[in-house]
C-alpha atoms as a PDB file:
ATOM      1  CA  MET A   1      83.918  59.459  56.586  1.00  0.00           C
ATOM      2  CA  THR A   2      83.439  61.171  59.852  1.00  0.00           C
ATOM      3  CA  LYS A   3      86.172  63.234  61.407  1.00  0.00           C
ATOM      4  CA  ALA A   4      87.140  62.754  64.994  1.00  0.00           C
ATOM      5  CA  PRO A   5      86.096  65.570  67.178  1.00  0.00           C
ATOM      6  CA  ALA A   6      88.731  68.179  67.958  1.00  0.00           C
ATOM      7  CA  SER A   7      88.427  67.571  71.656  1.00  0.00           C
ATOM      8  CA  SER A   8      89.550  63.903  71.360  1.00  0.00           C
ATOM      9  CA  THR A   9      92.647  64.874  69.288  1.00  0.00           C
ATOM     10  CA  THR A  10      93.619  67.460  71.849  1.00  0.00           C
ATOM     11  CA  ASP A  11      93.295  64.895  74.646  1.00  0.00           C
ATOM     12  CA  ARG A  12      95.652  62.484  72.849  1.00  0.00           C
ATOM     13  CA  ARG A  13      98.280  65.204  72.369  1.00  0.00           C
ATOM     14  CA  GLU A  14      98.089  66.105  76.038  1.00  0.00           C
ATOM     15  CA  ARG A  15      98.365  62.475  77.180  1.00  0.00           C
ATOM     16  CA  ARG A  16     101.556  61.635  75.226  1.00  0.00           C
ATOM     17  CA  PRO A  17     103.983  63.831  77.225  1.00  0.00           C
ATOM     18  CA  GLN A  18     102.442  62.550  80.448  1.00  0.00           C
ATOM     19  CA  GLN A  19     103.238  58.939  79.430  1.00  0.00           C
ATOM     20  CA  THR A  20     106.874  59.572  78.291  1.00  0.00           C
ATOM     21  CA  GLY A  21     107.773  61.985  81.118  1.00  0.00           C
ATOM     22  CA  PRO A  22     108.116  59.420  83.946  1.00  0.00           C
ATOM     23  CA  ASP A  23     110.156  57.113  81.690  1.00  0.00           C
ATOM     24  CA  LEU A  24     112.766  59.821  81.055  1.00  0.00           C
ATOM     25  CA  LEU A  25     112.985  60.674  84.753  1.00  0.00           C
ATOM     26  CA  ALA A  26     113.480  57.025  85.680  1.00  0.00           C
ATOM     27  CA  LEU A  27     116.183  56.655  83.021  1.00  0.00           C
ATOM     28  CA  ARG A  28     118.008  59.737  84.298  1.00  0.00           C
ATOM     29  CA  ALA A  29     117.832  58.429  87.860  1.00  0.00           C
ATOM     30  CA  GLN A  30     119.282  55.086  86.781  1.00  0.00           C
ATOM     31  CA  LEU A  31     122.125  56.813  84.933  1.00  0.00           C
ATOM     32  CA  ALA A  32     122.867  59.002  87.957  1.00  0.00           C
ATOM     33  CA  ARG A  33     122.968  55.956  90.246  1.00  0.00           C
ATOM     34  CA  ALA A  34     125.279  54.137  87.841  1.00  0.00           C
ATOM     35  CA  GLU A  35     127.645  57.120  87.740  1.00  0.00           C
ATOM     36  CA  ARG A  36     127.729  57.344  91.543  1.00  0.00           C
ATOM     37  CA  GLU A  37     128.471  53.632  91.873  1.00  0.00           C
ATOM     38  CA  ALA A  38     131.239  53.912  89.291  1.00  0.00           C
ATOM     39  CA  ARG A  39     132.827  56.768  91.245  1.00  0.00           C
ATOM     40  CA  ARG A  40     132.568  54.842  94.520  1.00  0.00           C
ATOM     41  CA  ALA A  41     134.214  51.727  93.086  1.00  0.00           C
ATOM     42  CA  PRO A  42     137.817  51.483  94.386  1.00  0.00           C
ATOM     43  CA  THR A  43     140.591  51.973  91.889  1.00  0.00           C
ATOM     44  CA  PRO A  44     142.590  48.751  91.482  1.00  0.00           C
ATOM     45  CA  ALA A  45     146.125  48.991  92.828  1.00  0.00           C
ATOM     46  CA  PRO A  46     148.889  48.951  90.223  1.00  0.00           C
ATOM     47  CA  ALA A  47     150.684  45.668  89.788  1.00  0.00           C
ATOM     48  CA  ARG A  48     153.968  45.328  91.676  1.00  0.00           C
ATOM     49  CA  PRO A  49     157.112  44.763  89.633  1.00  0.00           C
ATOM     50  CA  ALA A  50     158.621  41.307  89.851  1.00  0.00           C
ATOM     51  CA  ASN A  51     161.603  42.533  91.883  1.00  0.00           C
ATOM     52  CA  LEU A  52     159.357  44.240  94.472  1.00  0.00           C
ATOM     53  CA  GLN A  53     156.865  41.450  95.088  1.00  0.00           C
ATOM     54  CA  LEU A  54     156.560  40.237  98.663  1.00  0.00           C
ATOM     55  CA  LYS A  55     158.534  37.085  99.342  1.00  0.00           C
ATOM     56  CA  PRO A  56     157.631  34.542 102.027  1.00  0.00           C
ATOM     57  CA  VAL A  57     159.634  34.777 105.230  1.00  0.00           C
ATOM     58  CA  LYS A  58     162.176  31.988 105.500  1.00  0.00           C
ATOM     59  CA  PRO A  59     161.937  29.930 108.687  1.00  0.00           C
ATOM     60  CA  GLN A  60     164.638  30.581 111.227  1.00  0.00           C
ATOM     61  CA  ARG A  61     167.271  27.915 111.691  1.00  0.00           C
ATOM     62  CA  GLU A  62     167.011  25.795 114.817  1.00  0.00           C
ATOM     63  CA  ALA A  63     170.698  26.339 115.559  1.00  0.00           C
ATOM     64  CA  GLU A  64     170.045  30.059 116.046  1.00  0.00           C
ATOM     65  CA  LEU A  65     167.374  29.300 118.669  1.00  0.00           C
ATOM     66  CA  ALA A  66     169.683  27.203 120.860  1.00  0.00           C
ATOM     67  CA  GLY A  67     169.536  28.342 124.485  1.00  0.00           C
ATOM     68  CA  ILE A  68     166.438  30.506 123.874  1.00  0.00           C
ATOM     69  CA  ASP A  69     163.096  29.865 125.576  1.00  0.00           C
ATOM     70  CA  THR A  70     159.981  30.803 123.578  1.00  0.00           C
ATOM     71  CA  THR A  71     157.281  28.900 125.477  1.00  0.00           C
ATOM     72  CA  ASP A  72     154.057  30.785 126.190  1.00  0.00           C
ATOM     73  CA  HIS A  73     154.286  30.336 129.967  1.00  0.00           C
ATOM     74  CA  THR A  74     157.813  31.745 130.174  1.00  0.00           C
ATOM     75  CA  LEU A  75     156.989  34.672 127.897  1.00  0.00           C
ATOM     76  CA  ALA A  76     153.872  35.534 129.930  1.00  0.00           C
ATOM     77  CA  ARG A  77     155.846  35.586 133.208  1.00  0.00           C
ATOM     78  CA  ALA A  78     158.596  37.715 131.670  1.00  0.00           C
ATOM     79  CA  HIS A  79     156.025  40.093 130.204  1.00  0.00           C
ATOM     80  CA  ALA A  80     154.358  40.592 133.600  1.00  0.00           C
ATOM     81  CA  ARG A  81     157.699  41.319 135.283  1.00  0.00           C
ATOM     82  CA  LEU A  82     158.600  43.718 132.478  1.00  0.00           C
ATOM     83  CA  ARG A  83     155.367  45.683 132.928  1.00  0.00           C
ATOM     84  CA  ASP A  84     155.837  45.965 136.697  1.00  0.00           C
ATOM     85  CA  ALA A  85     159.404  47.230 136.360  1.00  0.00           C
ATOM     86  CA  VAL A  86     158.548  49.779 133.648  1.00  0.00           C
ATOM     87  CA  TYR A  87     155.477  51.160 135.429  1.00  0.00           C
ATOM     88  CA  GLU A  88     157.445  51.521 138.664  1.00  0.00           C
ATOM     89  CA  GLY A  89     160.360  53.211 136.872  1.00  0.00           C
ATOM     90  CA  ARG A  90     162.934  50.554 137.778  1.00  0.00           C
ATOM     91  CA  TYR A  91     164.892  50.557 134.521  1.00  0.00           C
ATOM     92  CA  HIS A  92     168.138  52.051 133.240  1.00  0.00           C
ATOM     93  CA  LEU A  93     169.256  52.860 129.683  1.00  0.00           C
ATOM     94  CA  CYS A  94     172.805  51.671 129.063  1.00  0.00           C
ATOM     95  CA  PRO A  95     175.202  53.705 126.874  1.00  0.00           C
ATOM     96  CA  HIS A  96     175.149  50.963 124.230  1.00  0.00           C
ATOM     97  CA  ALA A  97     171.391  51.400 123.731  1.00  0.00           C
ATOM     98  CA  ILE A  98     171.714  55.187 123.550  1.00  0.00           C
ATOM     99  CA  GLY A  99     174.528  54.886 121.002  1.00  0.00           C
ATOM    100  CA  HIS A 100     172.458  52.588 118.797  1.00  0.00           C
ATOM    101  CA  ALA A 101     169.513  54.973 119.043  1.00  0.00           C
ATOM    102  CA  ARG A 102     171.600  57.881 117.784  1.00  0.00           C
ATOM    103  CA  ALA A 103     173.203  55.791 115.045  1.00  0.00           C
ATOM    104  CA  GLU A 104     170.019  54.175 113.685  1.00  0.00           C
ATOM    105  CA  GLY A 105     167.642  57.127 113.874  1.00  0.00           C
ATOM    106  CA  PHE A 106     165.368  56.467 116.868  1.00  0.00           C
ATOM    107  CA  LEU A 107     165.196  58.159 120.257  1.00  0.00           C
ATOM    108  CA  GLU A 108     165.225  57.107 123.893  1.00  0.00           C
ATOM    109  CA  HIS A 109     161.482  57.579 124.263  1.00  0.00           C
ATOM    110  CA  ASP A 110     160.987  55.145 121.346  1.00  0.00           C
ATOM    111  CA  ILE A 111     162.776  52.512 123.429  1.00  0.00           C
ATOM    112  CA  ILE A 112     160.510  53.240 126.397  1.00  0.00           C
ATOM    113  CA  GLN A 113     157.462  53.032 124.115  1.00  0.00           C
ATOM    114  CA  VAL A 114     158.527  49.555 122.998  1.00  0.00           C
ATOM    115  CA  LEU A 115     158.931  48.486 126.631  1.00  0.00           C
ATOM    116  CA  VAL A 116     155.401  49.737 127.365  1.00  0.00           C
ATOM    117  CA  ALA A 117     153.545  48.587 124.235  1.00  0.00           C
ATOM    118  CA  GLY A 118     155.784  45.797 122.909  1.00  0.00           C
ATOM    119  CA  ARG A 119     155.807  42.079 123.633  1.00  0.00           C
ATOM    120  CA  VAL A 120     158.461  39.736 125.008  1.00  0.00           C
ATOM    121  CA  ARG A 121     159.249  37.294 122.212  1.00  0.00           C
ATOM    122  CA  ALA A 122     162.261  35.436 123.597  1.00  0.00           C
ATOM    123  CA  VAL A 123     163.927  34.694 126.925  1.00  0.00           C
ATOM    124  CA  TYR A 124     167.661  34.015 127.282  1.00  0.00           C
ATOM    125  CA  PRO A 125     167.810  32.050 130.569  1.00  0.00           C
ATOM    126  CA  GLU A 126     171.609  31.777 130.791  1.00  0.00           C
ATOM    127  CA  ASP A 127     172.122  35.497 130.167  1.00  0.00           C
ATOM    128  CA  HIS A 128     169.088  36.675 132.219  1.00  0.00           C
ATOM    129  CA  ARG A 129     167.869  38.715 129.252  1.00  0.00           C
ATOM    130  CA  TRP A 130     164.626  39.251 127.367  1.00  0.00           C
ATOM    131  CA  LEU A 131     163.986  40.288 123.780  1.00  0.00           C
ATOM    132  CA  VAL A 132     161.167  42.843 123.549  1.00  0.00           C
ATOM    133  CA  CYS A 133     159.757  43.544 120.070  1.00  0.00           C
ATOM    134  CA  GLY A 134     157.723  46.569 119.061  1.00  0.00           C
ATOM    135  CA  PHE A 135     157.517  49.469 116.632  1.00  0.00           C
ATOM    136  CA  PHE A 136     158.456  53.132 116.459  1.00  0.00           C
ATOM    137  CA  GLU A 137     157.239  55.805 114.058  1.00  0.00           C
ATOM    138  CA  SER A 138     159.559  57.716 111.759  1.00  0.00           C
ATOM    139  CA  CYS A 139     158.206  60.191 109.165  1.00  0.00           C
ATOM    140  CA  GLY A 140     154.763  58.602 109.409  1.00  0.00           C
ATOM    141  CA  VAL A 141     156.073  55.065 108.821  1.00  0.00           C
ATOM    142  CA  ALA A 142     156.016  52.335 111.490  1.00  0.00           C
ATOM    143  CA  LEU A 143     159.372  50.557 111.704  1.00  0.00           C
ATOM    144  CA  PRO A 144     160.247  47.498 113.809  1.00  0.00           C
ATOM    145  CA  LEU A 145     162.410  47.971 116.890  1.00  0.00           C
ATOM    146  CA  HIS A 146     163.921  45.235 119.073  1.00  0.00           C
ATOM    147  CA  VAL A 147     165.059  45.956 122.631  1.00  0.00           C
ATOM    148  CA  VAL A 148     167.201  43.638 124.769  1.00  0.00           C
ATOM    149  CA  VAL A 149     166.830  44.045 128.538  1.00  0.00           C
ATOM    150  CA  GLU A 150     168.683  42.311 131.358  1.00  0.00           C
ATOM    151  CA  HIS A 151     166.707  41.696 134.542  1.00  0.00           C
ATOM    152  CA  GLN A 152     168.373  41.869 137.938  1.00  0.00           C
ATOM    153  CA  ARG A 153     167.542  40.006 141.134  1.00  0.00           C
ATOM    154  CA  ASP A 154     166.046  43.106 142.757  1.00  0.00           C
ATOM    155  CA  GLY A 155     163.508  43.406 139.913  1.00  0.00           C
ATOM    156  CA  SER A 156     165.191  46.290 138.074  1.00  0.00           C
ATOM    157  CA  LEU A 157     165.967  46.231 134.361  1.00  0.00           C
ATOM    158  CA  ASP A 158     169.006  47.299 132.366  1.00  0.00           C
ATOM    159  CA  VAL A 159     168.238  48.174 128.749  1.00  0.00           C
ATOM    160  CA  VAL A 160     171.323  46.576 127.228  1.00  0.00           C
ATOM    161  CA  THR A 161     170.805  47.516 123.587  1.00  0.00           C
ATOM    162  CA  ALA A 162     168.179  48.413 120.994  1.00  0.00           C
ATOM    163  CA  PHE A 163     168.356  48.044 117.233  1.00  0.00           C
ATOM    164  CA  VAL A 164     166.320  48.029 114.029  1.00  0.00           C
ATOM    165  CA  PRO A 165     166.303  44.363 112.928  1.00  0.00           C
ATOM    166  CA  LYS A 166     167.051  43.285 109.389  1.00  0.00           C
ATOM    167  CA  HIS A 167     164.576  40.397 109.740  1.00  0.00           C
ATOM    168  CA  PRO A 168     161.802  41.579 112.109  1.00  0.00           C
ATOM    169  CA  HIS A 169     160.189  38.127 112.341  1.00  0.00           C
ATOM    170  CA  HIS A 170     163.400  36.412 113.456  1.00  0.00           C
ATOM    171  CA  ILE A 171     164.832  36.198 116.959  1.00  0.00           C
ATOM    172  CA  ILE A 172     168.433  37.281 117.353  1.00  0.00           C
ATOM    173  CA  SER A 173     170.659  34.403 118.445  1.00  0.00           C
ATOM    174  CA  ARG A 174     172.804  34.436 121.577  1.00  0.00           C
ATOM    175  CA  ALA A 175     175.993  34.378 119.512  1.00  0.00           C
ATOM    176  CA  ARG A 176     174.930  37.324 117.342  1.00  0.00           C
ATOM    177  CA  LEU A 177     173.850  39.296 120.395  1.00  0.00           C
ATOM    178  CA  ALA A 178     177.184  38.643 122.110  1.00  0.00           C
ATOM    179  CA  VAL A 179     179.076  39.805 119.031  1.00  0.00           C
ATOM    180  CA  MET A 180     176.955  42.950 118.851  1.00  0.00           C
ATOM    181  CA  LEU A 181     177.600  43.851 122.478  1.00  0.00           C
ATOM    182  CA  ARG A 182     181.287  42.988 122.309  1.00  0.00           C
ATOM    183  CA  TYR A 183     182.399  44.749 119.151  1.00  0.00           C
ATOM    184  CA  ASP A 184     179.964  47.652 118.837  1.00  0.00           C
ATOM    185  CA  ASP A 185     181.640  50.669 120.382  1.00  0.00           C
ATOM    186  CA  GLU A 186     179.864  53.947 121.032  1.00  0.00           C
ATOM    187  CA  GLN A 187     183.181  55.836 121.123  1.00  0.00           C
ATOM    188  CA  ILE A 188     185.348  56.610 118.103  1.00  0.00           C
ATOM    189  CA  ARG A 189     188.708  54.916 118.348  1.00  0.00           C
ATOM    190  CA  THR A 190     191.699  57.094 117.503  1.00  0.00           C
ATOM    191  CA  ARG A 191     195.384  56.369 117.038  1.00  0.00           C
ATOM    192  CA  THR A 192     198.252  58.820 117.249  1.00  0.00           C
ATOM    193  CA  ALA A 193     201.056  58.492 114.705  1.00  0.00           C
ATOM    194  CA  HIS A 194     204.488  58.909 116.272  1.00  0.00           C
ATOM    195  CA  VAL A 195     207.384  60.719 114.653  1.00  0.00           C
ATOM    196  CA  GLY A 196     209.604  58.320 112.767  1.00  0.00           C
ATOM    197  CA  ASN A 197     209.053  55.235 110.715  1.00  0.00           C
ATOM    198  CA  LYS A 198     208.589  51.549 111.321  1.00  0.00           C
ATOM    199  CA  PRO A 199     211.677  49.389 111.774  1.00  0.00           C
ATOM    200  CA  GLY A 200     213.043  48.153 108.472  1.00  0.00           C
ATOM    201  CA  HIS A 201     211.964  51.213 106.487  1.00  0.00           C
ATOM    202  CA  ARG A 202     214.379  53.905 105.406  1.00  0.00           C
ATOM    203  CA  SER A 203     213.571  57.242 106.910  1.00  0.00           C
ATOM    204  CA  LYS A 204     215.293  60.165 108.544  1.00  0.00           C
ATOM    205  CA  GLY A 205     213.000  59.843 111.530  1.00  0.00           C
ATOM    206  CA  LYS A 206     211.209  63.153 110.989  1.00  0.00           C
ATOM    207  CA  TRP A 207     208.169  64.390 109.139  1.00  0.00           C
ATOM    208  CA  LYS A 208     208.806  65.891 105.737  1.00  0.00           C
ATOM    209  CA  LYS A 209     208.168  69.584 105.613  1.00  0.00           C
ATOM    210  CA  GLY A 210     205.637  70.785 103.106  1.00  0.00           C
ATOM    211  CA  ALA A 211     206.646  73.078 100.277  1.00  0.00           C
END
């Protein structure tokens, strides 16, 4: 038997690492790419509890929309008149709107922002009023804000009231708006108790002195 020359054995030993080297580098590159793709994959959002799942908005009753115009042509005309009055400064904030702003946590400039960036969603022809819907930001959260304005013959606007709606997608009815303006009072009502007692009740007619 003849032995292989030493030079050929040395060549084989030198060739083996050259053949396996590129395979290891390619495998490492594939693993690195897979890890990067796994890190980039978005984390699935946690499932909402059953009591917090979004429910479909119920359609508004037709009776609540009686006497309200929501046609596109009427809304476009009202929106153009609203923009002209706001840009020219022909508007006035009524005390009722300011009282609601202080009570519900928004400011006067939030009302003006809704008039500038909001949209007219309803027209009340008999009352000469418009419902303007928009948003205001509170603690980094956008909340809906509805503003009711009354337009005058000279083109000026009176901001009648503003409120955070319970159902943002619904239009407030004329009856509900009338009740809001009639019974909401920005002043605290007080009553003074007179000395004495009501007729039919036994009393000496004076306040009892404390011990």
